[in-house]
Amino acid sequence: MPHSVSPVGILHSCFKEKFAIPRQPSLAPAARGVLELMPPYDCAEAVAGLEQVSHVWLLFLFHQALESKPRVRVRPPRLGGNRLLGVFATRSTHRPNGIGQSVVRLDRVEP
């Protein structure tokens, strides 16, 4: 049975070009982003208690990498783009469903 997912916010990153994004967060410790919550989640009640945690999981859509024809093989940059691998053996942005996941350190909560 199909299920649709609605966004709860917009993630604003300090990275403006996809090739500038590091493949591991530890490679860019100064990187920062902001999650802007959308109604009805942009209220103090929705984030109550969040300041008590150190990290949060973010699920997001690789909206600039969505393609009409999914790629089953990709050329990972970490291999110099010289080898083709199956998409599931990589961390490619060319995901079959465009969904990404990151764990991020929570600096502060501004309701």
N, C-alpha and C. Protein backbone atom coordinates (compact mmCIF):
# COMPACT_ATOMS: atom_id res chain seq x y z
N MET A 1 0.84 -1.18 0.00
CA MET A 1 0.00 0.00 0.00
C MET A 1 0.89 1.24 0.00
N PRO A 2 0.75 2.14 -0.97
CA PRO A 2 1.58 3.35 -1.04
C PRO A 2 1.32 4.27 0.14
N HIS A 3 2.36 4.95 0.52
CA HIS A 3 2.25 5.91 1.62
C HIS A 3 3.02 7.16 1.23
N SER A 4 2.45 8.30 1.47
CA SER A 4 3.16 9.54 1.15
C SER A 4 3.71 10.13 2.44
N VAL A 5 4.80 10.85 2.30
CA VAL A 5 5.46 11.49 3.44
C VAL A 5 5.48 12.98 3.19
N SER A 6 5.08 13.74 4.17
CA SER A 6 5.09 15.20 4.06
C SER A 6 6.27 15.76 4.83
N PRO A 7 6.92 16.79 4.30
CA PRO A 7 8.05 17.40 5.02
C PRO A 7 7.59 18.10 6.28
N VAL A 8 8.46 18.08 7.29
CA VAL A 8 8.18 18.81 8.53
C VAL A 8 9.05 20.06 8.63
N GLY A 9 10.00 20.19 7.71
CA GLY A 9 10.87 21.36 7.74
C GLY A 9 11.77 21.41 6.53
N ILE A 10 12.58 22.45 6.50
CA ILE A 10 13.55 22.67 5.43
C ILE A 10 14.92 22.79 6.08
N LEU A 11 15.86 22.02 5.57
CA LEU A 11 17.21 22.04 6.10
C LEU A 11 18.06 22.98 5.27
N HIS A 12 18.65 23.97 5.92
CA HIS A 12 19.54 24.93 5.26
C HIS A 12 20.96 24.58 5.65
N SER A 13 21.79 24.26 4.68
CA SER A 13 23.16 23.85 4.91
C SER A 13 24.12 24.97 4.53
N CYS A 14 25.32 24.90 5.06
CA CYS A 14 26.35 25.87 4.68
C CYS A 14 26.97 25.51 3.34
N PHE A 15 26.63 24.35 2.78
CA PHE A 15 27.19 23.91 1.50
C PHE A 15 26.28 24.32 0.36
N LYS A 16 26.84 24.99 -0.62
CA LYS A 16 26.04 25.46 -1.75
C LYS A 16 26.25 24.61 -3.01
N GLU A 17 27.35 23.89 -3.09
CA GLU A 17 27.65 23.04 -4.24
C GLU A 17 27.75 21.60 -3.78
N LYS A 18 27.20 20.67 -4.54
CA LYS A 18 27.21 19.27 -4.11
C LYS A 18 28.63 18.70 -4.01
N PHE A 19 29.55 19.19 -4.83
CA PHE A 19 30.91 18.67 -4.78
C PHE A 19 31.70 19.19 -3.59
N ALA A 20 31.14 20.18 -2.88
CA ALA A 20 31.80 20.71 -1.69
C ALA A 20 31.42 19.94 -0.43
N ILE A 21 30.40 19.10 -0.53
CA ILE A 21 29.90 18.37 0.63
C ILE A 21 30.84 17.21 0.96
N PRO A 22 31.36 17.14 2.17
CA PRO A 22 32.25 16.03 2.53
C PRO A 22 31.47 14.73 2.67
N ARG A 23 32.13 13.61 2.40
CA ARG A 23 31.43 12.32 2.50
C ARG A 23 31.29 11.87 3.95
N GLN A 24 32.07 12.46 4.86
CA GLN A 24 31.96 12.16 6.29
C GLN A 24 31.94 13.48 7.06
N PRO A 25 31.06 13.62 8.05
CA PRO A 25 30.98 14.88 8.80
C PRO A 25 32.28 15.22 9.53
N SER A 26 33.05 14.23 9.91
CA SER A 26 34.29 14.52 10.62
C SER A 26 35.31 15.25 9.75
N LEU A 27 35.09 15.24 8.42
CA LEU A 27 35.98 15.95 7.51
C LEU A 27 35.68 17.44 7.45
N ALA A 28 34.56 17.87 8.04
CA ALA A 28 34.18 19.28 8.05
C ALA A 28 33.58 19.63 9.42
N PRO A 29 34.40 19.62 10.48
CA PRO A 29 33.86 19.84 11.83
C PRO A 29 33.24 21.22 12.04
N ALA A 30 33.58 22.20 11.22
CA ALA A 30 33.02 23.55 11.38
C ALA A 30 31.71 23.73 10.62
N ALA A 31 31.28 22.73 9.88
CA ALA A 31 30.05 22.84 9.08
C ALA A 31 28.84 23.03 9.99
N ARG A 32 27.93 23.88 9.57
CA ARG A 32 26.72 24.15 10.33
C ARG A 32 25.51 24.15 9.41
N GLY A 33 24.37 23.88 9.97
CA GLY A 33 23.11 23.94 9.23
C GLY A 33 22.00 24.32 10.18
N VAL A 34 20.86 24.65 9.60
CA VAL A 34 19.69 25.04 10.39
C VAL A 34 18.48 24.28 9.84
N LEU A 35 17.72 23.69 10.75
CA LEU A 35 16.47 23.05 10.37
C LEU A 35 15.35 24.01 10.70
N GLU A 36 14.68 24.49 9.68
CA GLU A 36 13.55 25.41 9.83
C GLU A 36 12.27 24.59 9.78
N LEU A 37 11.60 24.48 10.91
CA LEU A 37 10.37 23.69 10.98
C LEU A 37 9.21 24.46 10.35
N MET A 38 8.32 23.69 9.72
CA MET A 38 7.14 24.28 9.07
C MET A 38 5.91 24.02 9.95
N PRO A 39 4.88 24.85 9.79
CA PRO A 39 3.64 24.63 10.54
C PRO A 39 3.08 23.24 10.26
N PRO A 40 2.54 22.58 11.24
CA PRO A 40 2.27 23.02 12.62
C PRO A 40 3.41 22.71 13.59
N TYR A 41 4.59 22.35 13.08
CA TYR A 41 5.70 21.92 13.94
C TYR A 41 6.63 23.05 14.35
N ASP A 42 6.37 24.26 13.92
CA ASP A 42 7.21 25.42 14.22
C ASP A 42 6.77 26.12 15.50
N CYS A 43 6.59 25.34 16.56
CA CYS A 43 6.13 25.90 17.83
C CYS A 43 6.90 25.26 18.98
N ALA A 44 6.87 25.92 20.11
CA ALA A 44 7.60 25.45 21.29
C ALA A 44 7.14 24.07 21.74
N GLU A 45 5.86 23.77 21.60
CA GLU A 45 5.35 22.47 22.02
C GLU A 45 5.98 21.33 21.24
N ALA A 46 6.24 21.54 19.95
CA ALA A 46 6.78 20.47 19.11
C ALA A 46 8.24 20.15 19.43
N VAL A 47 8.98 21.10 19.97
CA VAL A 47 10.40 20.88 20.27
C VAL A 47 10.68 20.79 21.77
N ALA A 48 9.63 20.75 22.58
CA ALA A 48 9.80 20.67 24.03
C ALA A 48 10.61 19.43 24.40
N GLY A 49 11.68 19.63 25.15
CA GLY A 49 12.54 18.53 25.59
C GLY A 49 13.69 18.24 24.65
N LEU A 50 13.66 18.79 23.46
CA LEU A 50 14.71 18.52 22.49
C LEU A 50 16.07 19.04 22.95
N GLU A 51 16.08 20.08 23.74
CA GLU A 51 17.36 20.64 24.24
C GLU A 51 18.09 19.67 25.16
N GLN A 52 17.45 18.60 25.56
CA GLN A 52 18.07 17.62 26.46
C GLN A 52 18.87 16.55 25.72
N VAL A 53 18.83 16.54 24.40
CA VAL A 53 19.57 15.54 23.64
C VAL A 53 20.77 16.18 22.95
N SER A 54 21.78 15.37 22.67
CA SER A 54 22.99 15.90 22.04
C SER A 54 22.96 15.78 20.52
N HIS A 55 22.25 14.78 19.99
CA HIS A 55 22.22 14.53 18.55
C HIS A 55 20.80 14.19 18.11
N VAL A 56 20.52 14.44 16.84
CA VAL A 56 19.22 14.07 16.26
C VAL A 56 19.46 13.42 14.90
N TRP A 57 18.57 12.53 14.52
CA TRP A 57 18.60 11.92 13.20
C TRP A 57 17.75 12.78 12.26
N LEU A 58 18.28 13.09 11.10
CA LEU A 58 17.53 13.83 10.09
C LEU A 58 17.38 12.96 8.84
N LEU A 59 16.16 12.81 8.39
CA LEU A 59 15.88 12.17 7.11
C LEU A 59 15.56 13.29 6.14
N PHE A 60 16.13 13.24 4.95
CA PHE A 60 15.94 14.34 4.02
C PHE A 60 15.85 13.81 2.60
N LEU A 61 15.44 14.68 1.69
CA LEU A 61 15.32 14.33 0.29
C LEU A 61 16.45 14.99 -0.49
N PHE A 62 17.18 14.20 -1.26
CA PHE A 62 18.21 14.74 -2.16
C PHE A 62 17.48 15.38 -3.35
N HIS A 63 16.82 16.50 -3.11
CA HIS A 63 15.93 17.08 -4.11
C HIS A 63 16.64 17.52 -5.39
N GLN A 64 17.92 17.84 -5.32
CA GLN A 64 18.63 18.26 -6.53
C GLN A 64 19.24 17.07 -7.28
N ALA A 65 19.09 15.87 -6.75
CA ALA A 65 19.64 14.68 -7.40
C ALA A 65 18.55 13.73 -7.87
N LEU A 66 17.28 14.13 -7.77
CA LEU A 66 16.20 13.25 -8.20
C LEU A 66 16.25 13.08 -9.71
N GLU A 67 16.05 11.86 -10.16
CA GLU A 67 16.13 11.55 -11.59
C GLU A 67 14.91 10.74 -12.00
N SER A 68 14.48 10.93 -13.24
CA SER A 68 13.31 10.19 -13.73
C SER A 68 13.65 8.72 -13.97
N LYS A 69 14.91 8.44 -14.33
CA LYS A 69 15.33 7.05 -14.55
C LYS A 69 16.38 6.71 -13.49
N PRO A 70 16.05 5.83 -12.55
CA PRO A 70 17.00 5.50 -11.48
C PRO A 70 18.30 4.89 -12.02
N ARG A 71 19.39 5.21 -11.37
CA ARG A 71 20.69 4.62 -11.72
C ARG A 71 20.89 3.37 -10.86
N VAL A 72 21.27 2.28 -11.49
CA VAL A 72 21.56 1.07 -10.72
C VAL A 72 23.07 0.92 -10.50
N ARG A 73 23.85 1.64 -11.30
CA ARG A 73 25.31 1.65 -11.13
C ARG A 73 25.78 3.10 -11.16
N VAL A 74 26.73 3.41 -10.29
CA VAL A 74 27.26 4.78 -10.19
C VAL A 74 28.79 4.74 -10.09
N ARG A 75 29.41 5.90 -10.28
CA ARG A 75 30.87 6.03 -10.17
C ARG A 75 31.18 6.86 -8.93
N PRO A 76 31.49 6.21 -7.81
CA PRO A 76 31.75 6.96 -6.57
C PRO A 76 33.00 7.85 -6.68
N PRO A 77 32.89 9.11 -6.23
CA PRO A 77 34.04 10.02 -6.28
C PRO A 77 35.21 9.52 -5.44
N ARG A 78 34.93 8.81 -4.34
CA ARG A 78 36.03 8.35 -3.48
C ARG A 78 36.93 7.35 -4.20
N LEU A 79 36.42 6.77 -5.29
CA LEU A 79 37.23 5.86 -6.11
C LEU A 79 37.74 6.57 -7.35
N GLY A 80 37.70 7.90 -7.32
CA GLY A 80 38.18 8.69 -8.44
C GLY A 80 37.23 8.70 -9.62
N GLY A 81 36.03 8.17 -9.44
CA GLY A 81 35.06 8.11 -10.53
C GLY A 81 35.46 7.13 -11.62
N ASN A 82 36.41 6.25 -11.30
CA ASN A 82 36.94 5.32 -12.30
C ASN A 82 36.30 3.94 -12.27
N ARG A 83 35.51 3.64 -11.23
CA ARG A 83 34.90 2.30 -11.11
C ARG A 83 33.39 2.43 -11.00
N LEU A 84 32.70 1.55 -11.67
CA LEU A 84 31.25 1.46 -11.55
C LEU A 84 30.91 0.47 -10.44
N LEU A 85 30.03 0.89 -9.54
CA LEU A 85 29.54 0.01 -8.47
C LEU A 85 28.03 0.05 -8.46
N GLY A 86 27.42 -0.99 -7.89
CA GLY A 86 25.98 -0.97 -7.70
C GLY A 86 25.61 0.14 -6.73
N VAL A 87 24.51 0.82 -6.98
CA VAL A 87 24.12 1.98 -6.17
C VAL A 87 24.01 1.65 -4.68
N PHE A 88 23.63 0.41 -4.34
CA PHE A 88 23.47 0.05 -2.93
C PHE A 88 24.80 -0.22 -2.22
N ALA A 89 25.88 -0.29 -2.98
CA ALA A 89 27.21 -0.47 -2.40
C ALA A 89 27.92 0.86 -2.21
N THR A 90 27.19 1.96 -2.40
CA THR A 90 27.79 3.29 -2.33
C THR A 90 26.97 4.20 -1.42
N ARG A 91 27.51 5.38 -1.22
CA ARG A 91 26.78 6.43 -0.50
C ARG A 91 26.34 7.51 -1.48
N SER A 92 26.08 7.12 -2.69
CA SER A 92 25.73 8.03 -3.77
C SER A 92 24.45 8.81 -3.44
N THR A 93 24.38 10.03 -3.94
CA THR A 93 23.15 10.82 -3.82
C THR A 93 22.10 10.34 -4.81
N HIS A 94 22.49 9.51 -5.74
CA HIS A 94 21.57 9.00 -6.76
C HIS A 94 20.83 7.78 -6.21
N ARG A 95 20.05 8.01 -5.16
CA ARG A 95 19.30 6.94 -4.51
C ARG A 95 18.03 6.63 -5.29
N PRO A 96 17.56 5.41 -5.26
CA PRO A 96 16.33 5.07 -5.95
C PRO A 96 15.12 5.88 -5.48
N ASN A 97 15.10 6.28 -4.23
CA ASN A 97 13.98 7.06 -3.72
C ASN A 97 14.38 8.46 -3.26
N GLY A 98 15.64 8.83 -3.41
CA GLY A 98 16.10 10.18 -3.08
C GLY A 98 16.21 10.49 -1.60
N ILE A 99 16.03 9.50 -0.73
CA ILE A 99 16.06 9.75 0.71
C ILE A 99 17.46 9.60 1.27
N GLY A 100 17.88 10.57 2.08
CA GLY A 100 19.16 10.52 2.77
C GLY A 100 18.95 10.55 4.27
N GLN A 101 19.97 10.21 5.02
CA GLN A 101 19.88 10.18 6.48
C GLN A 101 21.21 10.64 7.07
N SER A 102 21.13 11.48 8.09
CA SER A 102 22.34 11.93 8.79
C SER A 102 22.04 12.07 10.28
N VAL A 103 23.04 11.77 11.08
CA VAL A 103 22.95 12.08 12.50
C VAL A 103 23.75 13.36 12.68
N VAL A 104 23.15 14.34 13.36
CA VAL A 104 23.81 15.63 13.53
C VAL A 104 23.82 16.04 15.00
N ARG A 105 24.86 16.78 15.36
CA ARG A 105 24.95 17.29 16.72
C ARG A 105 24.01 18.49 16.84
N LEU A 106 23.26 18.52 17.90
CA LEU A 106 22.31 19.60 18.15
C LEU A 106 23.00 20.68 18.97
N ASP A 107 23.17 21.86 18.40
CA ASP A 107 23.81 22.97 19.11
C ASP A 107 22.83 23.72 20.00
N ARG A 108 21.66 23.99 19.44
CA ARG A 108 20.66 24.73 20.22
C ARG A 108 19.28 24.57 19.58
N VAL A 109 18.27 24.92 20.37
CA VAL A 109 16.89 24.88 19.92
C VAL A 109 16.31 26.27 20.08
N GLU A 110 15.76 26.80 19.01
CA GLU A 110 15.13 28.12 19.05
C GLU A 110 13.67 27.97 18.66
N PRO A 111 12.77 27.91 19.63
CA PRO A 111 11.35 27.72 19.30
C PRO A 111 10.74 28.93 18.62
